[in-house]
Amino acid sequence: MKTNTNTHTSNKTETATKAKCIKLGIDVHADSYRVVRQFDHATPQPAQKFTPKGFLVWAKKQLEQAEEVHSCYEAGPLGYGLHRTLLGMGIRNLVIRPQNWDELHKGVKTDKTDALALTQRLDRYVQGNVTALAVIRVPTPEQELARSQSRQREQLMSHRLRLEAQGRSLLLFNGMRARGRWWQPAHWEELKLQVSVGLLELCGRSSVGSALRIAARWPA
């Protein structure tokens, strides 16, 4: 019986060419990612640009080329969705604390140089230098939602305080002294009887409506 030697040769070739480890340094932005790839201990390759969706397709293919795939990116306004997606694919991703990667102060800082610096640091980290990256603890989706709600509440309450001050300043400039939460219905009804129609419209349009909407959502 004749054996298909081509299949065995192909399998041996794939095994021989498969890398031990691929490292990906990802500079993440809302519309695009810059990624530098390094095979084992070879020189990092030039940065590549991907759309977020295109990167995920490409990243999945890296799992076929190495026994392990490691990646990292800096924490930022995009949250941790990418981190969880990469982990789900089998890629060992890290989210790290943002920093200035221009350590030599050359004044050259681009997405490409940042991605390269991330890859170089990741290479050292994977080799055992745990101080090479400042890894942050990623919250669970529930913890992340709670934090987001808390931050939004703080921002809205701060905005409400600014609106209160804006209204008080406007009223004082026109000879009216208002204290505390002057925009609440009971106080506002009293003020309406004491100010001109023009000032009433200006003050109400700039402050009262917004403050009431915020207070209705978070009255505390």
Protein backbone atom coordinates (compact mmCIF):
# COMPACT_ATOMS: atom_id res chain seq x y z
CA MET A 1 0.00 0.00 0.00
CA LYS A 2 1.45 3.36 -1.03
CA THR A 3 1.83 5.98 1.71
CA ASN A 4 1.11 9.66 0.99
CA THR A 5 4.51 11.10 1.91
CA ASN A 6 3.44 14.62 0.90
CA THR A 7 1.07 14.85 3.88
CA HIS A 8 3.77 13.79 6.35
CA THR A 9 6.25 16.24 4.82
CA SER A 10 3.71 19.07 5.03
CA ASN A 11 2.95 18.34 8.69
CA LYS A 12 6.65 18.27 9.58
CA THR A 13 7.20 21.58 7.81
CA GLU A 14 4.32 23.25 9.67
CA THR A 15 5.62 21.96 13.00
CA ALA A 16 9.15 23.11 12.25
CA THR A 17 8.10 26.63 11.18
CA LYS A 18 5.62 27.25 13.98
CA ALA A 19 7.00 29.86 16.38
CA LYS A 20 7.18 29.30 20.11
CA CYS A 21 5.78 32.73 20.89
CA ILE A 22 4.38 35.74 19.08
CA LYS A 23 4.23 39.11 20.84
CA LEU A 24 1.87 41.89 19.73
CA GLY A 25 2.19 45.48 20.91
CA ILE A 26 -1.09 47.26 20.17
CA ASP A 27 -1.52 51.04 20.07
CA VAL A 28 -5.28 51.34 20.33
CA HIS A 29 -7.47 54.14 18.95
CA ALA A 30 -11.18 54.36 18.29
CA ASP A 31 -10.90 53.98 14.50
CA SER A 32 -7.65 52.08 14.03
CA TYR A 33 -4.94 50.04 15.72
CA ARG A 34 -1.19 50.13 15.11
CA VAL A 35 0.37 46.74 15.82
CA VAL A 36 3.99 45.58 15.96
CA ARG A 37 4.59 41.83 15.87
CA GLN A 38 7.61 39.89 17.09
CA PHE A 39 8.30 36.21 16.47
CA ASP A 40 10.21 34.62 19.34
CA HIS A 41 13.42 36.66 19.80
CA ALA A 42 13.60 38.02 16.28
CA THR A 43 13.66 41.74 15.46
CA PRO A 44 10.15 43.24 15.78
CA GLN A 45 8.47 43.71 12.43
CA PRO A 46 7.34 47.12 11.09
CA ALA A 47 4.05 48.42 12.48
CA GLN A 48 0.87 47.44 10.68
CA LYS A 49 -2.38 49.40 10.67
CA PHE A 50 -5.76 47.70 11.12
CA THR A 51 -9.36 48.60 11.61
CA PRO A 52 -10.63 47.21 14.93
CA LYS A 53 -12.57 44.48 13.12
CA GLY A 54 -9.70 43.70 10.76
CA PHE A 55 -7.30 43.38 13.66
CA LEU A 56 -9.40 40.69 15.34
CA VAL A 57 -9.45 38.64 12.14
CA TRP A 58 -5.69 38.98 11.82
CA ALA A 59 -5.05 38.32 15.53
CA LYS A 60 -6.93 35.03 15.35
CA LYS A 61 -4.65 33.86 12.55
CA GLN A 62 -1.62 34.43 14.79
CA LEU A 63 -2.75 31.52 16.96
CA GLU A 64 -2.08 29.23 14.02
CA GLN A 65 1.51 30.46 13.70
CA ALA A 66 2.75 30.08 17.27
CA GLU A 67 2.33 27.94 20.34
CA GLU A 68 1.57 31.06 22.39
CA VAL A 69 0.42 34.54 21.46
CA HIS A 70 0.90 37.41 23.91
CA SER A 71 -0.34 40.97 23.49
CA CYS A 72 -0.70 44.20 25.42
CA TYR A 73 -2.23 47.64 25.11
CA GLU A 74 -2.61 50.70 27.30
CA ALA A 75 -5.70 51.34 29.39
CA GLY A 76 -7.79 54.21 28.08
CA PRO A 77 -11.25 55.48 27.16
CA LEU A 78 -12.05 52.39 25.07
CA GLY A 79 -12.39 50.23 28.17
CA TYR A 80 -11.67 46.52 28.40
CA GLY A 81 -13.79 45.05 25.62
CA LEU A 82 -10.76 44.32 23.44
CA HIS A 83 -9.01 42.64 26.37
CA ARG A 84 -11.91 40.28 26.99
CA THR A 85 -12.24 39.48 23.28
CA LEU A 86 -8.55 38.60 22.98
CA LEU A 87 -8.67 36.40 26.07
CA GLY A 88 -11.70 34.64 24.63
CA MET A 89 -9.74 33.90 21.45
CA GLY A 90 -6.91 32.34 23.46
CA ILE A 91 -4.48 35.26 23.29
CA ARG A 92 -2.71 36.13 26.55
CA ASN A 93 -3.43 39.84 26.70
CA LEU A 94 -2.37 42.40 29.30
CA VAL A 95 -3.78 45.86 29.90
CA ILE A 96 -1.11 48.21 31.17
CA ARG A 97 -0.87 51.65 32.71
CA PRO A 98 -0.39 54.43 30.13
CA GLN A 99 3.01 56.07 30.02
CA ASN A 100 5.28 58.19 27.84
CA TRP A 101 7.26 55.73 25.72
CA ASP A 102 9.74 58.38 24.56
CA GLU A 103 12.15 57.41 27.32
CA LEU A 104 15.18 58.98 25.62
CA HIS A 105 13.31 62.28 25.16
CA LYS A 106 13.97 62.39 21.44
CA GLY A 107 10.73 64.24 20.83
CA VAL A 108 9.59 61.53 18.43
CA LYS A 109 6.32 59.96 19.48
CA THR A 110 3.99 58.31 17.00
CA ASP A 111 1.57 55.40 16.99
CA LYS A 112 4.29 53.32 15.33
CA THR A 113 6.94 54.08 17.95
CA ASP A 114 4.46 53.46 20.77
CA ALA A 115 3.52 50.07 19.32
CA LEU A 116 7.19 49.17 18.99
CA ALA A 117 7.91 50.17 22.59
CA LEU A 118 4.96 48.11 23.78
CA THR A 119 6.27 45.05 21.93
CA GLN A 120 9.79 45.45 23.26
CA ARG A 121 8.53 45.76 26.82
CA LEU A 122 6.18 42.82 26.33
CA ASP A 123 9.10 40.71 25.12
CA ARG A 124 10.99 41.45 28.33
CA TYR A 125 7.90 40.76 30.42
CA VAL A 126 7.26 37.38 28.80
CA GLN A 127 10.89 36.44 29.43
CA GLY A 128 10.38 36.97 33.15
CA ASN A 129 11.03 40.66 33.80
CA VAL A 130 7.71 41.44 35.50
CA THR A 131 8.75 45.08 36.07
CA ALA A 132 8.92 45.72 32.32
CA LEU A 133 5.18 46.49 32.23
CA ALA A 134 2.88 48.12 34.76
CA VAL A 135 0.00 45.66 34.48
CA ILE A 136 -3.36 46.78 35.84
CA ARG A 137 -6.11 44.61 37.24
CA VAL A 138 -9.03 44.42 34.84
CA PRO A 139 -12.43 44.72 36.52
CA THR A 140 -15.29 42.36 35.82
CA PRO A 141 -18.03 43.69 33.49
CA GLU A 142 -20.23 44.22 36.57
CA GLN A 143 -17.52 46.18 38.37
CA GLU A 144 -16.83 48.22 35.25
CA LEU A 145 -20.52 49.13 34.90
CA ALA A 146 -20.71 50.19 38.55
CA ARG A 147 -17.62 52.38 38.13
CA SER A 148 -19.02 53.96 34.99
CA GLN A 149 -22.28 54.78 36.75
CA SER A 150 -20.42 56.28 39.68
CA ARG A 151 -18.24 58.44 37.41
CA GLN A 152 -21.26 59.61 35.45
CA ARG A 153 -23.08 60.54 38.63
CA GLU A 154 -20.09 62.56 39.87
CA GLN A 155 -19.80 64.35 36.54
CA LEU A 156 -23.50 65.20 36.43
CA MET A 157 -23.55 66.40 40.02
CA SER A 158 -20.53 68.60 39.31
CA HIS A 159 -22.33 69.97 36.27
CA ARG A 160 -25.41 70.69 38.38
CA LEU A 161 -23.31 72.66 40.88
CA ARG A 162 -21.90 74.74 38.03
CA LEU A 163 -25.40 75.44 36.77
CA GLU A 164 -26.51 76.50 40.25
CA ALA A 165 -23.57 78.91 40.50
CA GLN A 166 -24.21 80.22 36.99
CA GLY A 167 -27.83 80.99 37.84
CA ARG A 168 -26.95 82.64 41.17
CA SER A 169 -24.39 84.82 39.44
CA LEU A 170 -26.87 85.87 36.78
CA LEU A 171 -29.54 86.67 39.34
CA LEU A 172 -27.11 88.59 41.57
CA PHE A 173 -25.93 90.66 38.63
CA ASN A 174 -29.55 91.72 38.19
CA GLY A 175 -30.09 92.55 41.85
CA MET A 176 -31.52 89.25 43.07
CA ARG A 177 -29.90 87.21 45.86
CA ALA A 178 -30.56 83.47 45.49
CA ARG A 179 -29.32 80.82 47.89
CA GLY A 180 -28.93 77.06 47.76
CA ARG A 181 -30.96 75.10 45.26
CA TRP A 182 -32.81 78.11 43.92
CA TRP A 183 -33.86 76.19 40.83
CA GLN A 184 -36.09 73.69 42.68
CA PRO A 185 -39.80 74.14 41.93
CA ALA A 186 -40.83 75.84 45.18
CA HIS A 187 -37.97 78.39 45.12
CA TRP A 188 -38.29 78.91 41.39
CA GLU A 189 -41.95 79.78 41.64
CA GLU A 190 -41.08 82.53 44.15
CA LEU A 191 -38.27 83.90 41.98
CA LYS A 192 -40.53 84.01 38.95
CA LEU A 193 -42.63 86.63 40.71
CA GLN A 194 -39.63 88.89 41.36
CA VAL A 195 -37.66 88.95 38.11
CA SER A 196 -38.29 90.38 34.68
CA VAL A 197 -39.59 88.23 31.85
CA GLY A 198 -36.31 88.57 29.93
CA LEU A 199 -34.19 87.53 32.90
CA LEU A 200 -36.62 84.74 33.71
CA GLU A 201 -36.25 83.27 30.23
CA LEU A 202 -32.47 83.67 30.22
CA CYS A 203 -31.95 82.17 33.65
CA GLY A 204 -34.46 79.38 33.13
CA ARG A 205 -33.10 78.43 29.73
CA SER A 206 -29.47 78.34 30.86
CA SER A 207 -29.79 76.61 34.21
CA VAL A 208 -33.12 75.46 35.54
CA GLY A 209 -34.05 72.89 32.92
CA SER A 210 -30.68 71.17 33.00
CA ALA A 211 -30.43 71.22 36.79
CA LEU A 212 -33.92 69.75 37.17
CA ARG A 213 -33.18 66.96 34.69
CA ILE A 214 -30.02 66.04 36.59
CA ALA A 215 -31.75 66.19 39.96
CA ALA A 216 -34.61 64.02 38.69
CA ARG A 217 -32.11 61.31 37.79
CA TRP A 218 -29.90 61.60 40.88
CA PRO A 219 -31.65 63.66 43.55
CA ALA A 220 -29.01 63.13 46.25
